[in-house]
Amino acid sequence: MKYHCQKIKVSFIRLKKLGYKTEPAFCMYLDIKGNPYLELLKLE
């Protein structure tokens, strides 16, 4: 589990350095299509 969490963290840091905002980065990592802000709200 610890390795998997570290892998996710590194992926997000890489996307943030490329200029992505948090929500779009989550959607890219989770392969969620559409408007990242609206799609993440649907997961609530």
PDB file of N, CA and C in Angstrom:
ATOM      1  N   MET A   1       0.832  -1.199   0.000  1.00  0.00           N
ATOM      2  CA  MET A   1       0.000   0.000   0.000  1.00  0.00           C
ATOM      3  C   MET A   1       0.869   1.253   0.000  1.00  0.00           C
ATOM      4  N   LYS A   2       1.935   1.240   0.808  1.00  0.00           N
ATOM      5  CA  LYS A   2       2.804   2.403   0.906  1.00  0.00           C
ATOM      6  C   LYS A   2       3.435   2.731  -0.445  1.00  0.00           C
ATOM      7  N   TYR A   3       3.861   1.698  -1.188  1.00  0.00           N
ATOM      8  CA  TYR A   3       4.454   1.908  -2.506  1.00  0.00           C
ATOM      9  C   TYR A   3       3.442   2.534  -3.458  1.00  0.00           C
ATOM     10  N   HIS A   4       2.202   2.032  -3.420  1.00  0.00           N
ATOM     11  CA  HIS A   4       1.164   2.542  -4.310  1.00  0.00           C
ATOM     12  C   HIS A   4       0.884   4.019  -4.013  1.00  0.00           C
ATOM     13  N   CYS A   5       0.825   4.390  -2.741  1.00  0.00           N
ATOM     14  CA  CYS A   5       0.587   5.784  -2.357  1.00  0.00           C
ATOM     15  C   CYS A   5       1.722   6.674  -2.835  1.00  0.00           C
ATOM     16  N   GLN A   6       2.948   6.190  -2.732  1.00  0.00           N
ATOM     17  CA  GLN A   6       4.097   6.960  -3.189  1.00  0.00           C
ATOM     18  C   GLN A   6       4.043   7.152  -4.698  1.00  0.00           C
ATOM     19  N   LYS A   7       3.625   6.125  -5.419  1.00  0.00           N
ATOM     20  CA  LYS A   7       3.504   6.201  -6.882  1.00  0.00           C
ATOM     21  C   LYS A   7       2.473   7.259  -7.280  1.00  0.00           C
ATOM     22  N   ILE A   8       1.339   7.289  -6.579  1.00  0.00           N
ATOM     23  CA  ILE A   8       0.305   8.291  -6.847  1.00  0.00           C
ATOM     24  C   ILE A   8       0.846   9.684  -6.569  1.00  0.00           C
ATOM     25  N   LYS A   9       1.524   9.843  -5.445  1.00  0.00           N
ATOM     26  CA  LYS A   9       2.077  11.142  -5.066  1.00  0.00           C
ATOM     27  C   LYS A   9       3.053  11.651  -6.119  1.00  0.00           C
ATOM     28  N   VAL A  10       3.943  10.795  -6.577  1.00  0.00           N
ATOM     29  CA  VAL A  10       4.921  11.184  -7.594  1.00  0.00           C
ATOM     30  C   VAL A  10       4.219  11.570  -8.895  1.00  0.00           C
ATOM     31  N   SER A  11       3.174  10.833  -9.256  1.00  0.00           N
ATOM     32  CA  SER A  11       2.427  11.144 -10.483  1.00  0.00           C
ATOM     33  C   SER A  11       1.774  12.521 -10.402  1.00  0.00           C
ATOM     34  N   PHE A  12       1.177  12.836  -9.243  1.00  0.00           N
ATOM     35  CA  PHE A  12       0.535  14.143  -9.079  1.00  0.00           C
ATOM     36  C   PHE A  12       1.550  15.273  -9.074  1.00  0.00           C
ATOM     37  N   ILE A  13       2.668  15.067  -8.429  1.00  0.00           N
ATOM     38  CA  ILE A  13       3.714  16.098  -8.414  1.00  0.00           C
ATOM     39  C   ILE A  13       4.188  16.374  -9.836  1.00  0.00           C
ATOM     40  N   ARG A  14       4.350  15.318 -10.623  1.00  0.00           N
ATOM     41  CA  ARG A  14       4.777  15.478 -12.019  1.00  0.00           C
ATOM     42  C   ARG A  14       3.739  16.281 -12.812  1.00  0.00           C
ATOM     43  N   LEU A  15       2.466  15.947 -12.641  1.00  0.00           N
ATOM     44  CA  LEU A  15       1.410  16.670 -13.362  1.00  0.00           C
ATOM     45  C   LEU A  15       1.323  18.125 -12.914  1.00  0.00           C
ATOM     46  N   LYS A  16       1.490  18.388 -11.614  1.00  0.00           N
ATOM     47  CA  LYS A  16       1.448  19.758 -11.100  1.00  0.00           C
ATOM     48  C   LYS A  16       2.613  20.573 -11.675  1.00  0.00           C
ATOM     49  N   LYS A  17       3.783  19.965 -11.782  1.00  0.00           N
ATOM     50  CA  LYS A  17       4.946  20.653 -12.358  1.00  0.00           C
ATOM     51  C   LYS A  17       4.735  20.973 -13.829  1.00  0.00           C
ATOM     52  N   LEU A  18       3.917  20.155 -14.494  1.00  0.00           N
ATOM     53  CA  LEU A  18       3.584  20.407 -15.894  1.00  0.00           C
ATOM     54  C   LEU A  18       2.513  21.482 -16.045  1.00  0.00           C
ATOM     55  N   GLY A  19       1.958  21.958 -14.905  1.00  0.00           N
ATOM     56  CA  GLY A  19       0.996  23.045 -14.950  1.00  0.00           C
ATOM     57  C   GLY A  19      -0.454  22.648 -14.752  1.00  0.00           C
ATOM     58  N   TYR A  20      -0.713  21.367 -14.506  1.00  0.00           N
ATOM     59  CA  TYR A  20      -2.089  20.936 -14.308  1.00  0.00           C
ATOM     60  C   TYR A  20      -2.584  21.328 -12.915  1.00  0.00           C
ATOM     61  N   LYS A  21      -3.838  21.699 -12.833  1.00  0.00           N
ATOM     62  CA  LYS A  21      -4.489  21.963 -11.550  1.00  0.00           C
ATOM     63  C   LYS A  21      -4.818  20.624 -10.899  1.00  0.00           C
ATOM     64  N   THR A  22      -5.202  20.653  -9.633  1.00  0.00           N
ATOM     65  CA  THR A  22      -5.425  19.424  -8.871  1.00  0.00           C
ATOM     66  C   THR A  22      -6.536  18.559  -9.460  1.00  0.00           C
ATOM     67  N   GLU A  23      -7.694  19.136  -9.738  1.00  0.00           N
ATOM     68  CA  GLU A  23      -8.832  18.345 -10.227  1.00  0.00           C
ATOM     69  C   GLU A  23      -8.532  17.701 -11.580  1.00  0.00           C
ATOM     70  N   PRO A  24      -8.006  18.465 -12.550  1.00  0.00           N
ATOM     71  CA  PRO A  24      -7.652  17.818 -13.819  1.00  0.00           C
ATOM     72  C   PRO A  24      -6.599  16.728 -13.652  1.00  0.00           C
ATOM     73  N   ALA A  25      -5.663  16.914 -12.732  1.00  0.00           N
ATOM     74  CA  ALA A  25      -4.644  15.894 -12.497  1.00  0.00           C
ATOM     75  C   ALA A  25      -5.276  14.608 -11.953  1.00  0.00           C
ATOM     76  N   PHE A  26      -6.206  14.734 -11.003  1.00  0.00           N
ATOM     77  CA  PHE A  26      -6.917  13.569 -10.484  1.00  0.00           C
ATOM     78  C   PHE A  26      -7.623  12.838 -11.612  1.00  0.00           C
ATOM     79  N   CYS A  27      -8.319  13.580 -12.447  1.00  0.00           N
ATOM     80  CA  CYS A  27      -9.076  12.954 -13.531  1.00  0.00           C
ATOM     81  C   CYS A  27      -8.153  12.275 -14.537  1.00  0.00           C
ATOM     82  N   MET A  28      -7.025  12.882 -14.815  1.00  0.00           N
ATOM     83  CA  MET A  28      -6.075  12.240 -15.720  1.00  0.00           C
ATOM     84  C   MET A  28      -5.581  10.923 -15.126  1.00  0.00           C
ATOM     85  N   TYR A  29      -5.240  10.943 -13.836  1.00  0.00           N
ATOM     86  CA  TYR A  29      -4.726   9.742 -13.189  1.00  0.00           C
ATOM     87  C   TYR A  29      -5.780   8.645 -13.121  1.00  0.00           C
ATOM     88  N   LEU A  30      -7.026   9.025 -12.855  1.00  0.00           N
ATOM     89  CA  LEU A  30      -8.113   8.055 -12.721  1.00  0.00           C
ATOM     90  C   LEU A  30      -8.812   7.757 -14.040  1.00  0.00           C
ATOM     91  N   ASP A  31      -8.345   8.378 -15.133  1.00  0.00           N
ATOM     92  CA  ASP A  31      -8.922   8.198 -16.474  1.00  0.00           C
ATOM     93  C   ASP A  31     -10.415   8.543 -16.497  1.00  0.00           C
ATOM     94  N   ILE A  32     -10.739   9.690 -15.905  1.00  0.00           N
ATOM     95  CA  ILE A  32     -12.107  10.203 -15.902  1.00  0.00           C
ATOM     96  C   ILE A  32     -12.217  11.238 -17.012  1.00  0.00           C
ATOM     97  N   LYS A  33     -13.178  11.053 -17.884  1.00  0.00           N
ATOM     98  CA  LYS A  33     -13.372  11.946 -19.030  1.00  0.00           C
ATOM     99  C   LYS A  33     -14.384  13.034 -18.696  1.00  0.00           C
ATOM    100  N   GLY A  34     -14.327  14.133 -19.429  1.00  0.00           N
ATOM    101  CA  GLY A  34     -15.281  15.220 -19.244  1.00  0.00           C
ATOM    102  C   GLY A  34     -14.698  16.343 -18.399  1.00  0.00           C
ATOM    103  N   ASN A  35     -15.577  17.222 -17.951  1.00  0.00           N
ATOM    104  CA  ASN A  35     -15.176  18.348 -17.122  1.00  0.00           C
ATOM    105  C   ASN A  35     -14.697  17.818 -15.773  1.00  0.00           C
ATOM    106  N   PRO A  36     -13.432  18.017 -15.430  1.00  0.00           N
ATOM    107  CA  PRO A  36     -12.909  17.427 -14.198  1.00  0.00           C
ATOM    108  C   PRO A  36     -13.622  17.898 -12.939  1.00  0.00           C
ATOM    109  N   TYR A  37     -14.038  19.139 -12.906  1.00  0.00           N
ATOM    110  CA  TYR A  37     -14.697  19.677 -11.717  1.00  0.00           C
ATOM    111  C   TYR A  37     -16.074  19.041 -11.524  1.00  0.00           C
ATOM    112  N   LEU A  38     -16.828  18.921 -12.595  1.00  0.00           N
ATOM    113  CA  LEU A  38     -18.164  18.319 -12.512  1.00  0.00           C
ATOM    114  C   LEU A  38     -18.090  16.808 -12.278  1.00  0.00           C
ATOM    115  N   GLU A  39     -17.155  16.151 -12.943  1.00  0.00           N
ATOM    116  CA  GLU A  39     -17.047  14.698 -12.808  1.00  0.00           C
ATOM    117  C   GLU A  39     -16.625  14.301 -11.399  1.00  0.00           C
ATOM    118  N   LEU A  40     -15.745  15.055 -10.769  1.00  0.00           N
ATOM    119  CA  LEU A  40     -15.346  14.743  -9.393  1.00  0.00           C
ATOM    120  C   LEU A  40     -16.477  14.987  -8.404  1.00  0.00           C
ATOM    121  N   LEU A  41     -17.327  15.960  -8.687  1.00  0.00           N
ATOM    122  CA  LEU A  41     -18.475  16.205  -7.813  1.00  0.00           C
ATOM    123  C   LEU A  41     -19.447  15.023  -7.846  1.00  0.00           C
ATOM    124  N   LYS A  42     -19.518  14.351  -8.987  1.00  0.00           N
ATOM    125  CA  LYS A  42     -20.410  13.190  -9.124  1.00  0.00           C
ATOM    126  C   LYS A  42     -19.949  12.031  -8.239  1.00  0.00           C
ATOM    127  N   LEU A  43     -18.684  12.016  -7.834  1.00  0.00           N
ATOM    128  CA  LEU A  43     -18.153  10.924  -7.009  1.00  0.00           C
ATOM    129  C   LEU A  43     -18.516  11.086  -5.538  1.00  0.00           C
ATOM    130  N   GLU A  44     -19.050  12.239  -5.161  1.00  0.00           N
ATOM    131  CA  GLU A  44     -19.408  12.470  -3.754  1.00  0.00           C
ATOM    132  C   GLU A  44     -20.502  11.549  -3.288  1.00  0.00           C
TER     133      GLU A  44
END
